[in-house]
Amino acid sequence: MFKSIREDIDSIRERDPAARSRTEVLLLYSGLHALIYHRIANWFYRHKMLFLARWVSQSSRFLTGIEIHPAVKIGKGLFIDHGSGVVIGETAEIGDYVTLYQGVTLGGTGKEKGKRHPTICDYAMVGSGARVLGPVVIGARAKIAAGAVVLDDVPDDATAVGVPARVVRLAGKKVESQQLDQIHMPDPVSLELCKLQAEFDRLKGELDACRAKNSKTGE
């Protein structure tokens, strides 16, 4: 655990220009404190001491303003910048050197069972106030803009913005606007109704032709 704490401190110093020393980070950074509490809570959780695990995690929430479920799997070098209001749900998984800003929620939608929280891959960044909901995967080095609401997977090296979030850049290149239009999309129900109308018109035409033929034959 001490090795992990040292890696977390070094990771924060590398990414936060305001961090002047390891001592400052260790004593004053609530994101680091939440990580230390979480590693203790996770140890209790993995050893089936569930009450102690929740007690530590709830104490951490009270002291740091950051709520991390004891079961969450976190890699090395996580940087929770500022951290106030961050919530990370039970089945969430966070890779190495991920950055989370204040107000981030890695939550569920209330519809899933089992794996119901996001997976954040290595070196991803989630901006302030963003909501990543459900068992979605945020790819390696992906960036989620502040205030975005992510309900679908985001590929590696992508940037997603908006509510609901849409990919605007992929591997450093702007995504064509046609690929981003989530409003003017064809309605599948309307398409099926159009097909039924066309089939109805075809059958009606054949019926009218039969009637006309029978009428001539009767004459």
Protein backbone atom coordinates (compact mmCIF):
# COMPACT_ATOMS: atom_id res chain seq x y z
CA MET A 1 0.00 0.00 0.00
CA PHE A 2 2.86 2.40 0.78
CA LYS A 3 4.25 1.84 -2.72
CA SER A 4 0.85 2.71 -4.16
CA ILE A 5 0.67 5.88 -2.06
CA ARG A 6 4.10 6.95 -3.30
CA GLU A 7 3.03 6.37 -6.91
CA ASP A 8 -0.16 8.35 -6.30
CA ILE A 9 1.82 11.26 -4.87
CA ASP A 10 4.25 11.29 -7.79
CA SER A 11 1.37 11.12 -10.24
CA ILE A 12 -0.27 14.17 -8.65
CA ARG A 13 2.99 16.15 -8.69
CA GLU A 14 3.47 15.42 -12.38
CA ARG A 15 -0.02 16.61 -13.35
CA ASP A 16 -0.69 19.45 -10.93
CA PRO A 17 1.57 22.50 -11.34
CA ALA A 18 0.34 23.80 -7.98
CA ALA A 19 1.88 20.82 -6.13
CA ARG A 20 5.22 22.01 -4.77
CA SER A 21 6.36 18.99 -2.76
CA ARG A 22 5.48 15.45 -1.77
CA THR A 23 4.86 16.62 1.78
CA GLU A 24 2.32 19.19 0.62
CA VAL A 25 0.50 16.59 -1.46
CA LEU A 26 0.49 14.04 1.36
CA LEU A 27 -0.83 16.45 3.97
CA LEU A 28 -3.14 18.74 2.03
CA TYR A 29 -4.65 16.95 -0.99
CA SER A 30 -8.12 15.55 -0.26
CA GLY A 31 -8.04 13.42 -3.43
CA LEU A 32 -4.99 11.59 -2.13
CA HIS A 33 -6.56 11.20 1.31
CA ALA A 34 -9.65 9.65 -0.29
CA LEU A 35 -7.43 7.20 -2.18
CA ILE A 36 -5.61 6.19 1.00
CA TYR A 37 -8.91 5.62 2.80
CA HIS A 38 -10.18 3.67 -0.19
CA ARG A 39 -7.20 1.32 -0.27
CA ILE A 40 -7.83 0.54 3.41
CA ALA A 41 -11.57 0.07 2.82
CA ASN A 42 -10.91 -2.10 -0.22
CA TRP A 43 -8.58 -4.32 1.83
CA PHE A 44 -11.34 -4.84 4.39
CA TYR A 45 -13.84 -5.48 1.57
CA ARG A 46 -11.66 -8.11 -0.11
CA HIS A 47 -11.24 -9.85 3.25
CA LYS A 48 -15.03 -9.97 3.78
CA MET A 49 -15.02 -7.40 6.59
CA LEU A 50 -17.85 -5.52 4.92
CA PHE A 51 -19.02 -3.41 7.84
CA LEU A 52 -15.51 -2.08 8.48
CA ALA A 53 -15.09 -1.45 4.76
CA ARG A 54 -18.24 0.70 4.62
CA TRP A 55 -17.35 2.44 7.88
CA VAL A 56 -13.98 3.52 6.46
CA SER A 57 -15.51 4.64 3.16
CA GLN A 58 -18.24 6.65 4.86
CA SER A 59 -15.69 8.25 7.18
CA SER A 60 -13.69 9.17 4.08
CA ARG A 61 -16.75 10.79 2.51
CA PHE A 62 -17.30 12.86 5.65
CA LEU A 63 -13.66 13.98 5.82
CA THR A 64 -12.90 14.50 2.12
CA GLY A 65 -16.24 15.08 0.36
CA ILE A 66 -15.39 12.18 -1.99
CA GLU A 67 -17.45 8.98 -1.98
CA ILE A 68 -15.84 5.79 -3.28
CA HIS A 69 -17.50 2.42 -2.71
CA PRO A 70 -15.10 -0.06 -1.06
CA ALA A 71 -15.52 -2.53 -3.94
CA VAL A 72 -14.26 -0.15 -6.64
CA LYS A 73 -11.15 -1.35 -8.47
CA ILE A 74 -8.61 1.45 -8.87
CA GLY A 75 -5.27 1.26 -10.66
CA LYS A 76 -2.19 3.26 -9.85
CA GLY A 77 -1.70 6.98 -10.19
CA LEU A 78 -5.35 8.13 -9.99
CA PHE A 79 -5.52 11.94 -9.67
CA ILE A 80 -8.74 13.32 -8.17
CA ASP A 81 -8.24 17.07 -8.62
CA HIS A 82 -10.02 19.19 -5.98
CA GLY A 83 -12.38 16.24 -5.58
CA SER A 84 -15.39 17.72 -3.82
CA GLY A 85 -18.59 15.92 -4.84
CA VAL A 86 -16.94 13.00 -6.65
CA VAL A 87 -19.03 9.80 -6.42
CA ILE A 88 -17.78 6.40 -7.65
CA GLY A 89 -20.19 3.45 -7.59
CA GLU A 90 -19.66 -0.13 -6.51
CA THR A 91 -18.80 -1.91 -9.77
CA ALA A 92 -16.79 0.91 -11.32
CA GLU A 93 -13.26 0.13 -12.53
CA ILE A 94 -10.55 2.75 -12.98
CA GLY A 95 -7.31 2.11 -14.82
CA ASP A 96 -3.86 3.64 -14.37
CA TYR A 97 -3.14 7.38 -14.34
CA VAL A 98 -6.76 8.47 -14.76
CA THR A 99 -7.74 12.06 -13.91
CA LEU A 100 -11.10 12.95 -12.34
CA TYR A 101 -12.12 16.53 -11.59
CA GLN A 102 -14.58 17.79 -8.98
CA GLY A 103 -18.22 16.80 -9.16
CA VAL A 104 -17.66 13.72 -11.33
CA THR A 105 -20.14 10.86 -10.96
CA LEU A 106 -19.32 7.34 -12.09
CA GLY A 107 -22.77 5.94 -11.43
CA GLY A 108 -25.44 3.50 -12.51
CA THR A 109 -28.75 4.09 -14.27
CA GLY A 110 -30.75 1.88 -11.92
CA LYS A 111 -31.60 -0.57 -14.72
CA GLU A 112 -28.67 -2.98 -14.69
CA LYS A 113 -27.68 -5.84 -12.45
CA GLY A 114 -24.16 -7.12 -11.88
CA LYS A 115 -21.72 -4.79 -13.67
CA ARG A 116 -23.67 -1.53 -13.59
CA HIS A 117 -21.03 1.20 -13.30
CA PRO A 118 -18.46 2.55 -15.78
CA THR A 119 -14.99 1.33 -16.67
CA ILE A 120 -12.46 4.13 -17.13
CA CYS A 121 -9.37 2.99 -19.04
CA ASP A 122 -5.77 4.13 -18.62
CA TYR A 123 -4.89 7.84 -18.93
CA ALA A 124 -8.51 8.92 -19.47
CA MET A 125 -9.73 12.28 -18.17
CA VAL A 126 -13.24 13.11 -16.91
CA GLY A 127 -14.01 16.83 -16.58
CA SER A 128 -15.77 18.74 -13.81
CA GLY A 129 -19.40 17.85 -13.22
CA ALA A 130 -19.46 15.10 -15.84
CA ARG A 131 -21.76 12.11 -15.36
CA VAL A 132 -20.73 8.72 -16.71
CA LEU A 133 -23.66 6.37 -16.18
CA GLY A 134 -24.12 2.64 -16.63
CA PRO A 135 -21.67 -0.14 -17.61
CA VAL A 136 -20.05 1.95 -20.34
CA VAL A 137 -16.37 1.93 -21.24
CA ILE A 138 -14.35 5.14 -21.52
CA GLY A 139 -11.39 4.27 -23.70
CA ALA A 140 -7.71 4.83 -23.03
CA ARG A 141 -6.64 8.50 -23.25
CA ALA A 142 -10.24 9.57 -23.87
CA LYS A 143 -11.44 12.96 -22.61
CA ILE A 144 -14.90 13.70 -21.27
CA ALA A 145 -15.77 17.39 -21.25
CA ALA A 146 -17.04 19.23 -18.18
CA GLY A 147 -20.78 18.77 -17.65
CA ALA A 148 -21.14 15.96 -20.18
CA VAL A 149 -23.53 13.07 -19.58
CA VAL A 150 -22.10 9.86 -21.02
CA LEU A 151 -24.50 6.98 -21.67
CA ASP A 152 -22.56 5.07 -24.34
CA ASP A 153 -19.02 3.80 -24.82
CA VAL A 154 -16.35 6.33 -25.79
CA PRO A 155 -13.50 4.94 -27.93
CA ASP A 156 -9.78 5.31 -27.27
CA ASP A 157 -8.27 8.76 -27.93
CA ALA A 158 -11.71 10.36 -28.31
CA THR A 159 -13.14 13.59 -26.91
CA ALA A 160 -16.83 13.57 -25.95
CA VAL A 161 -18.99 16.59 -25.10
CA GLY A 162 -22.63 17.45 -24.48
CA VAL A 163 -25.85 16.00 -23.08
CA PRO A 164 -26.06 13.25 -24.08
CA ALA A 165 -22.35 13.12 -24.83
CA ARG A 166 -21.19 12.74 -28.44
CA VAL A 167 -17.71 12.24 -29.85
CA VAL A 168 -16.34 15.41 -31.45
CA ARG A 169 -12.70 14.42 -31.90
CA LEU A 170 -11.12 11.04 -32.52
CA ALA A 171 -7.36 10.47 -32.53
CA GLY A 172 -6.84 14.23 -32.77
CA LYS A 173 -9.12 14.69 -35.78
CA LYS A 174 -12.49 16.43 -35.83
CA VAL A 175 -15.40 14.08 -36.40
CA GLU A 176 -17.67 15.04 -39.31
CA SER A 177 -20.86 16.75 -38.20
CA GLN A 178 -23.01 14.15 -39.96
CA GLN A 179 -21.68 11.59 -37.54
CA LEU A 180 -22.65 13.77 -34.60
CA ASP A 181 -26.30 14.44 -35.40
CA GLN A 182 -28.24 12.67 -32.67
CA ILE A 183 -31.46 14.63 -33.27
CA HIS A 184 -32.26 14.35 -36.97
CA MET A 185 -32.01 10.60 -37.10
CA PRO A 186 -34.51 8.38 -38.94
CA ASP A 187 -37.37 7.17 -36.77
CA PRO A 188 -37.45 3.35 -37.00
CA VAL A 189 -41.21 3.29 -36.31
CA SER A 190 -41.88 5.77 -39.11
CA LEU A 191 -39.71 3.73 -41.48
CA GLU A 192 -41.69 0.58 -40.72
CA LEU A 193 -44.99 2.43 -41.19
CA CYS A 194 -43.77 3.70 -44.57
CA LYS A 195 -42.92 0.13 -45.60
CA LEU A 196 -46.38 -1.04 -44.54
CA GLN A 197 -48.02 1.82 -46.45
CA ALA A 198 -46.05 0.93 -49.58
CA GLU A 199 -47.04 -2.74 -49.24
CA PHE A 200 -50.67 -1.73 -48.72
CA ASP A 201 -50.62 0.44 -51.83
CA ARG A 202 -49.12 -2.43 -53.86
CA LEU A 203 -51.75 -4.93 -52.71
CA LYS A 204 -54.54 -2.42 -53.29
CA GLY A 205 -53.27 -1.87 -56.81
CA GLU A 206 -53.27 -5.62 -57.49
CA LEU A 207 -56.78 -5.95 -56.04
CA ASP A 208 -58.08 -3.11 -58.18
CA ALA A 209 -56.51 -4.75 -61.25
CA CYS A 210 -58.19 -8.08 -60.42
CA ARG A 211 -61.54 -6.38 -59.94
CA ALA A 212 -61.20 -4.60 -63.27
CA LYS A 213 -60.29 -7.87 -65.00
CA ASN A 214 -63.21 -9.71 -63.43
CA SER A 215 -65.53 -6.89 -64.40
CA LYS A 216 -64.48 -7.17 -68.05
CA THR A 217 -64.84 -10.95 -67.98
CA GLY A 218 -68.36 -10.64 -66.58
CA GLU A 219 -69.31 -8.35 -69.42
